[in-house]
Amino acid sequence: MLAKHLRPAIVITLLLCVLTGLACPGVVTALAQLLFPRQANGSVIEVNGQPVGSALIGQGFTRPEYFHSRPSAAGAGYDATASAGTNLGPTSQKLVDNVKTAAESLREENPGSPIPIDMVTASASGLDPHITPAAAEFQVPRIARERSMNAEEVRRLVREHTEGRQLGLLGEPRVNVLELNLALDTVRPMP
């Protein structure tokens, strides 16, 4: 009697393992490679044939001549294996302290302008590669000063690298920090 039920259970289990564990992922992977090869391979950005980052994962930029990304809550900073938000609520003293510390640092580098919220708070994943156009504009005077550029020239680069809403209605306008910094290096390379 047990053999009568055991054999079909084993066959169905093996069949479902092959279908859901091999066939389905294989088909999805093949379709992704065929239809969206750049995205399926991580949206890697290359300079002179060398990978410098991904358009999908943020990087920490700390040098004053570069646009800075928003803070990361992922591990030691932009660690994709530790992707997570801070889970700190509005009444958290640690969140308040983190924001105050980040704001003080930003005021030293970029005096005179109100600080956009995304420059002092981490994204939900901690890996966001984008900042708001307001956060980019906030950093324009510092970039222009550090690179000996006209501020309007830096603003033009920001405008050129501002992405609109997806499908015209999803999300908010945003600027990919890595792509903007690479454009800066093309226009005005640093020694």
C-alpha atoms as a PDB file:
ATOM      1  CA  MET A   1       0.000   0.000   0.000  1.00  0.00           C
ATOM      2  CA  LEU A   2       2.842   2.441   0.871  1.00  0.00           C
ATOM      3  CA  ALA A   3       4.578   1.756  -2.453  1.00  0.00           C
ATOM      4  CA  LYS A   4       1.376   2.636  -4.277  1.00  0.00           C
ATOM      5  CA  HIS A   5       1.511   6.197  -2.851  1.00  0.00           C
ATOM      6  CA  LEU A   6       5.264   6.606  -2.509  1.00  0.00           C
ATOM      7  CA  ARG A   7       6.177   6.101  -6.180  1.00  0.00           C
ATOM      8  CA  PRO A   8       3.828   8.826  -7.549  1.00  0.00           C
ATOM      9  CA  ALA A   9       4.917  11.217  -4.789  1.00  0.00           C
ATOM     10  CA  ILE A  10       8.592  10.760  -5.693  1.00  0.00           C
ATOM     11  CA  VAL A  11       7.903  11.085  -9.436  1.00  0.00           C
ATOM     12  CA  ILE A  12       5.850  14.272  -8.963  1.00  0.00           C
ATOM     13  CA  THR A  13       8.471  15.745  -6.625  1.00  0.00           C
ATOM     14  CA  LEU A  14      11.275  15.078  -9.139  1.00  0.00           C
ATOM     15  CA  LEU A  15       9.174  16.415 -12.014  1.00  0.00           C
ATOM     16  CA  LEU A  16       8.351  19.624 -10.132  1.00  0.00           C
ATOM     17  CA  CYS A  17      12.014  20.047  -9.127  1.00  0.00           C
ATOM     18  CA  VAL A  18      13.043  19.837 -12.787  1.00  0.00           C
ATOM     19  CA  LEU A  19      10.259  22.167 -13.928  1.00  0.00           C
ATOM     20  CA  THR A  20      10.509  24.821 -11.213  1.00  0.00           C
ATOM     21  CA  GLY A  21      14.212  24.476 -10.431  1.00  0.00           C
ATOM     22  CA  LEU A  22      15.684  24.087 -13.916  1.00  0.00           C
ATOM     23  CA  ALA A  23      13.244  24.636 -16.781  1.00  0.00           C
ATOM     24  CA  CYS A  24      11.497  27.805 -15.544  1.00  0.00           C
ATOM     25  CA  PRO A  25      14.683  29.626 -14.431  1.00  0.00           C
ATOM     26  CA  GLY A  26      16.387  28.517 -17.647  1.00  0.00           C
ATOM     27  CA  VAL A  27      13.622  29.938 -19.827  1.00  0.00           C
ATOM     28  CA  VAL A  28      13.512  33.206 -17.854  1.00  0.00           C
ATOM     29  CA  THR A  29      17.313  33.544 -18.050  1.00  0.00           C
ATOM     30  CA  ALA A  30      17.323  32.841 -21.796  1.00  0.00           C
ATOM     31  CA  LEU A  31      14.546  35.374 -22.421  1.00  0.00           C
ATOM     32  CA  ALA A  32      16.288  37.989 -20.284  1.00  0.00           C
ATOM     33  CA  GLN A  33      19.569  37.476 -22.166  1.00  0.00           C
ATOM     34  CA  LEU A  34      17.743  37.685 -25.481  1.00  0.00           C
ATOM     35  CA  LEU A  35      15.455  40.650 -24.744  1.00  0.00           C
ATOM     36  CA  PHE A  36      17.393  42.659 -22.120  1.00  0.00           C
ATOM     37  CA  PRO A  37      21.060  41.582 -22.229  1.00  0.00           C
ATOM     38  CA  ARG A  38      22.494  44.742 -20.599  1.00  0.00           C
ATOM     39  CA  GLN A  39      20.093  44.631 -17.645  1.00  0.00           C
ATOM     40  CA  ALA A  40      20.349  40.848 -17.275  1.00  0.00           C
ATOM     41  CA  ASN A  41      24.107  41.197 -16.916  1.00  0.00           C
ATOM     42  CA  GLY A  42      23.964  43.877 -14.224  1.00  0.00           C
ATOM     43  CA  SER A  43      23.906  47.117 -16.284  1.00  0.00           C
ATOM     44  CA  VAL A  44      27.691  47.339 -15.987  1.00  0.00           C
ATOM     45  CA  ILE A  45      29.247  50.674 -16.963  1.00  0.00           C
ATOM     46  CA  GLU A  46      32.659  50.450 -18.594  1.00  0.00           C
ATOM     47  CA  VAL A  47      35.316  53.080 -19.210  1.00  0.00           C
ATOM     48  CA  ASN A  48      38.077  52.187 -21.655  1.00  0.00           C
ATOM     49  CA  GLY A  49      36.921  48.570 -21.591  1.00  0.00           C
ATOM     50  CA  GLN A  50      37.179  48.316 -17.788  1.00  0.00           C
ATOM     51  CA  PRO A  51      34.105  47.962 -15.569  1.00  0.00           C
ATOM     52  CA  VAL A  52      33.761  50.886 -13.160  1.00  0.00           C
ATOM     53  CA  GLY A  53      30.379  50.099 -11.630  1.00  0.00           C
ATOM     54  CA  SER A  54      26.743  49.336 -12.257  1.00  0.00           C
ATOM     55  CA  ALA A  55      23.995  51.752 -13.173  1.00  0.00           C
ATOM     56  CA  LEU A  56      21.821  49.860 -10.672  1.00  0.00           C
ATOM     57  CA  ILE A  57      23.949  49.923  -7.500  1.00  0.00           C
ATOM     58  CA  GLY A  58      25.173  53.061  -5.768  1.00  0.00           C
ATOM     59  CA  GLN A  59      28.765  53.794  -4.897  1.00  0.00           C
ATOM     60  CA  GLY A  60      30.254  55.981  -2.229  1.00  0.00           C
ATOM     61  CA  PHE A  61      31.935  59.112  -3.590  1.00  0.00           C
ATOM     62  CA  THR A  62      33.745  61.159  -0.964  1.00  0.00           C
ATOM     63  CA  ARG A  63      36.205  63.306  -2.913  1.00  0.00           C
ATOM     64  CA  PRO A  64      35.044  66.939  -3.082  1.00  0.00           C
ATOM     65  CA  GLU A  65      35.282  67.139  -6.888  1.00  0.00           C
ATOM     66  CA  TYR A  66      32.597  64.467  -7.317  1.00  0.00           C
ATOM     67  CA  PHE A  67      28.875  64.450  -6.719  1.00  0.00           C
ATOM     68  CA  HIS A  68      28.157  62.480  -3.563  1.00  0.00           C
ATOM     69  CA  SER A  69      25.591  59.711  -3.371  1.00  0.00           C
ATOM     70  CA  ARG A  70      22.972  59.481  -0.689  1.00  0.00           C
ATOM     71  CA  PRO A  71      24.050  57.666   2.483  1.00  0.00           C
ATOM     72  CA  SER A  72      24.022  53.879   2.453  1.00  0.00           C
ATOM     73  CA  ALA A  73      22.672  51.642   5.179  1.00  0.00           C
ATOM     74  CA  ALA A  74      24.030  48.511   3.490  1.00  0.00           C
ATOM     75  CA  GLY A  75      26.810  47.033   5.592  1.00  0.00           C
ATOM     76  CA  ALA A  76      29.912  49.210   5.614  1.00  0.00           C
ATOM     77  CA  GLY A  77      28.453  51.213   2.727  1.00  0.00           C
ATOM     78  CA  TYR A  78      27.080  50.107  -0.653  1.00  0.00           C
ATOM     79  CA  ASP A  79      27.673  46.444   0.189  1.00  0.00           C
ATOM     80  CA  ALA A  80      25.221  44.568  -2.054  1.00  0.00           C
ATOM     81  CA  THR A  81      25.435  41.471   0.139  1.00  0.00           C
ATOM     82  CA  ALA A  82      24.103  43.505   3.083  1.00  0.00           C
ATOM     83  CA  SER A  83      21.330  45.374   1.298  1.00  0.00           C
ATOM     84  CA  ALA A  84      18.814  46.655   3.796  1.00  0.00           C
ATOM     85  CA  GLY A  85      17.309  49.795   5.188  1.00  0.00           C
ATOM     86  CA  THR A  86      18.099  51.049   8.656  1.00  0.00           C
ATOM     87  CA  ASN A  87      14.651  50.320  10.074  1.00  0.00           C
ATOM     88  CA  LEU A  88      15.066  53.428  12.222  1.00  0.00           C
ATOM     89  CA  GLY A  89      11.773  55.167  12.905  1.00  0.00           C
ATOM     90  CA  PRO A  90      11.041  58.875  13.251  1.00  0.00           C
ATOM     91  CA  THR A  91      11.397  58.714  17.037  1.00  0.00           C
ATOM     92  CA  SER A  92      14.796  56.982  16.880  1.00  0.00           C
ATOM     93  CA  GLN A  93      17.579  59.003  18.518  1.00  0.00           C
ATOM     94  CA  LYS A  94      20.121  57.138  16.381  1.00  0.00           C
ATOM     95  CA  LEU A  95      18.370  58.359  13.221  1.00  0.00           C
ATOM     96  CA  VAL A  96      18.338  61.928  14.544  1.00  0.00           C
ATOM     97  CA  ASP A  97      22.054  61.702  15.398  1.00  0.00           C
ATOM     98  CA  ASN A  98      22.905  60.231  11.969  1.00  0.00           C
ATOM     99  CA  VAL A  99      21.000  62.997  10.179  1.00  0.00           C
ATOM    100  CA  LYS A 100      22.631  65.723  12.308  1.00  0.00           C
ATOM    101  CA  THR A 101      26.110  64.324  11.636  1.00  0.00           C
ATOM    102  CA  ALA A 102      25.480  64.064   7.890  1.00  0.00           C
ATOM    103  CA  ALA A 103      23.978  67.577   7.803  1.00  0.00           C
ATOM    104  CA  GLU A 104      26.991  69.095   9.590  1.00  0.00           C
ATOM    105  CA  SER A 105      29.378  67.464   7.129  1.00  0.00           C
ATOM    106  CA  LEU A 106      27.305  68.623   4.158  1.00  0.00           C
ATOM    107  CA  ARG A 107      27.109  72.214   5.466  1.00  0.00           C
ATOM    108  CA  GLU A 108      30.911  72.338   5.653  1.00  0.00           C
ATOM    109  CA  GLU A 109      31.270  71.167   2.039  1.00  0.00           C
ATOM    110  CA  ASN A 110      28.250  72.976   0.603  1.00  0.00           C
ATOM    111  CA  PRO A 111      27.544  76.097   2.685  1.00  0.00           C
ATOM    112  CA  GLY A 112      24.523  78.294   2.231  1.00  0.00           C
ATOM    113  CA  SER A 113      21.818  76.067   0.757  1.00  0.00           C
ATOM    114  CA  PRO A 114      19.086  74.017   2.392  1.00  0.00           C
ATOM    115  CA  ILE A 115      20.049  70.339   2.478  1.00  0.00           C
ATOM    116  CA  PRO A 116      17.812  67.986   0.454  1.00  0.00           C
ATOM    117  CA  ILE A 117      16.454  65.121   2.549  1.00  0.00           C
ATOM    118  CA  ASP A 118      17.943  62.400   0.354  1.00  0.00           C
ATOM    119  CA  MET A 119      21.441  63.638   1.182  1.00  0.00           C
ATOM    120  CA  VAL A 120      21.007  62.784   4.874  1.00  0.00           C
ATOM    121  CA  THR A 121      18.821  59.656   4.743  1.00  0.00           C
ATOM    122  CA  ALA A 122      19.490  56.215   3.284  1.00  0.00           C
ATOM    123  CA  SER A 123      17.199  54.561   0.765  1.00  0.00           C
ATOM    124  CA  ALA A 124      15.196  51.439   1.600  1.00  0.00           C
ATOM    125  CA  SER A 125      17.808  49.147   0.040  1.00  0.00           C
ATOM    126  CA  GLY A 126      20.816  51.237   1.041  1.00  0.00           C
ATOM    127  CA  LEU A 127      22.090  50.827  -2.531  1.00  0.00           C
ATOM    128  CA  ASP A 128      20.248  53.548  -4.446  1.00  0.00           C
ATOM    129  CA  PRO A 129      22.422  54.807  -7.329  1.00  0.00           C
ATOM    130  CA  HIS A 130      20.331  57.956  -7.759  1.00  0.00           C
ATOM    131  CA  ILE A 131      19.884  61.299  -6.077  1.00  0.00           C
ATOM    132  CA  THR A 132      17.164  63.843  -6.673  1.00  0.00           C
ATOM    133  CA  PRO A 133      17.791  66.763  -9.037  1.00  0.00           C
ATOM    134  CA  ALA A 134      17.589  68.985  -5.931  1.00  0.00           C
ATOM    135  CA  ALA A 135      20.427  67.007  -4.303  1.00  0.00           C
ATOM    136  CA  ALA A 136      22.517  67.407  -7.453  1.00  0.00           C
ATOM    137  CA  GLU A 137      21.766  71.152  -7.600  1.00  0.00           C
ATOM    138  CA  PHE A 138      22.754  71.424  -3.927  1.00  0.00           C
ATOM    139  CA  GLN A 139      26.240  70.126  -4.826  1.00  0.00           C
ATOM    140  CA  VAL A 140      26.773  72.223  -7.988  1.00  0.00           C
ATOM    141  CA  PRO A 141      28.656  75.125  -6.309  1.00  0.00           C
ATOM    142  CA  ARG A 142      31.155  72.734  -4.675  1.00  0.00           C
ATOM    143  CA  ILE A 143      31.726  70.809  -7.902  1.00  0.00           C
ATOM    144  CA  ALA A 144      32.188  74.009  -9.911  1.00  0.00           C
ATOM    145  CA  ARG A 145      34.654  75.361  -7.326  1.00  0.00           C
ATOM    146  CA  GLU A 146      36.657  72.112  -7.029  1.00  0.00           C
ATOM    147  CA  ARG A 147      36.865  71.552 -10.781  1.00  0.00           C
ATOM    148  CA  SER A 148      37.328  75.220 -11.731  1.00  0.00           C
ATOM    149  CA  MET A 149      34.218  75.072 -13.890  1.00  0.00           C
ATOM    150  CA  ASN A 150      31.395  77.476 -14.540  1.00  0.00           C
ATOM    151  CA  ALA A 151      28.397  76.543 -12.352  1.00  0.00           C
ATOM    152  CA  GLU A 152      26.091  76.731 -15.368  1.00  0.00           C
ATOM    153  CA  GLU A 153      28.251  74.169 -17.180  1.00  0.00           C
ATOM    154  CA  VAL A 154      27.863  71.805 -14.204  1.00  0.00           C
ATOM    155  CA  ARG A 155      24.097  72.459 -14.139  1.00  0.00           C
ATOM    156  CA  ARG A 156      23.920  71.594 -17.845  1.00  0.00           C
ATOM    157  CA  LEU A 157      25.529  68.218 -17.105  1.00  0.00           C
ATOM    158  CA  VAL A 158      23.037  67.647 -14.293  1.00  0.00           C
ATOM    159  CA  ARG A 159      20.132  68.447 -16.639  1.00  0.00           C
ATOM    160  CA  GLU A 160      21.540  66.115 -19.318  1.00  0.00           C
ATOM    161  CA  HIS A 161      21.780  63.279 -16.783  1.00  0.00           C
ATOM    162  CA  THR A 162      18.404  63.797 -15.140  1.00  0.00           C
ATOM    163  CA  GLU A 163      16.116  60.869 -15.893  1.00  0.00           C
ATOM    164  CA  GLY A 164      12.382  61.490 -15.986  1.00  0.00           C
ATOM    165  CA  ARG A 165       9.595  59.399 -14.539  1.00  0.00           C
ATOM    166  CA  GLN A 166       9.322  55.876 -15.912  1.00  0.00           C
ATOM    167  CA  LEU A 167       6.552  55.676 -18.509  1.00  0.00           C
ATOM    168  CA  GLY A 168       5.923  59.340 -17.738  1.00  0.00           C
ATOM    169  CA  LEU A 169       4.204  58.667 -14.404  1.00  0.00           C
ATOM    170  CA  LEU A 170       6.106  56.182 -12.219  1.00  0.00           C
ATOM    171  CA  GLY A 171       8.679  57.361  -9.700  1.00  0.00           C
ATOM    172  CA  GLU A 172      10.348  60.744  -9.494  1.00  0.00           C
ATOM    173  CA  PRO A 173      12.973  62.499 -11.624  1.00  0.00           C
ATOM    174  CA  ARG A 174      16.430  61.295 -10.613  1.00  0.00           C
ATOM    175  CA  VAL A 175      20.130  61.584 -11.424  1.00  0.00           C
ATOM    176  CA  ASN A 176      22.465  58.569 -11.596  1.00  0.00           C
ATOM    177  CA  VAL A 177      25.508  59.675  -9.585  1.00  0.00           C
ATOM    178  CA  LEU A 178      28.041  57.341 -11.234  1.00  0.00           C
ATOM    179  CA  GLU A 179      27.017  58.359 -14.753  1.00  0.00           C
ATOM    180  CA  LEU A 180      27.091  62.058 -13.810  1.00  0.00           C
ATOM    181  CA  ASN A 181      30.558  61.748 -12.246  1.00  0.00           C
ATOM    182  CA  LEU A 182      31.862  59.925 -15.325  1.00  0.00           C
ATOM    183  CA  ALA A 183      30.488  62.748 -17.493  1.00  0.00           C
ATOM    184  CA  LEU A 184      32.299  65.260 -15.247  1.00  0.00           C
ATOM    185  CA  ASP A 185      35.547  63.343 -15.735  1.00  0.00           C
ATOM    186  CA  THR A 186      35.010  63.445 -19.503  1.00  0.00           C
ATOM    187  CA  VAL A 187      34.310  67.190 -19.597  1.00  0.00           C
ATOM    188  CA  ARG A 188      36.905  68.240 -16.999  1.00  0.00           C
ATOM    189  CA  PRO A 189      39.309  65.446 -16.028  1.00  0.00           C
ATOM    190  CA  MET A 190      41.001  65.757 -12.665  1.00  0.00           C
ATOM    191  CA  PRO A 191      44.787  65.294 -12.418  1.00  0.00           C
END
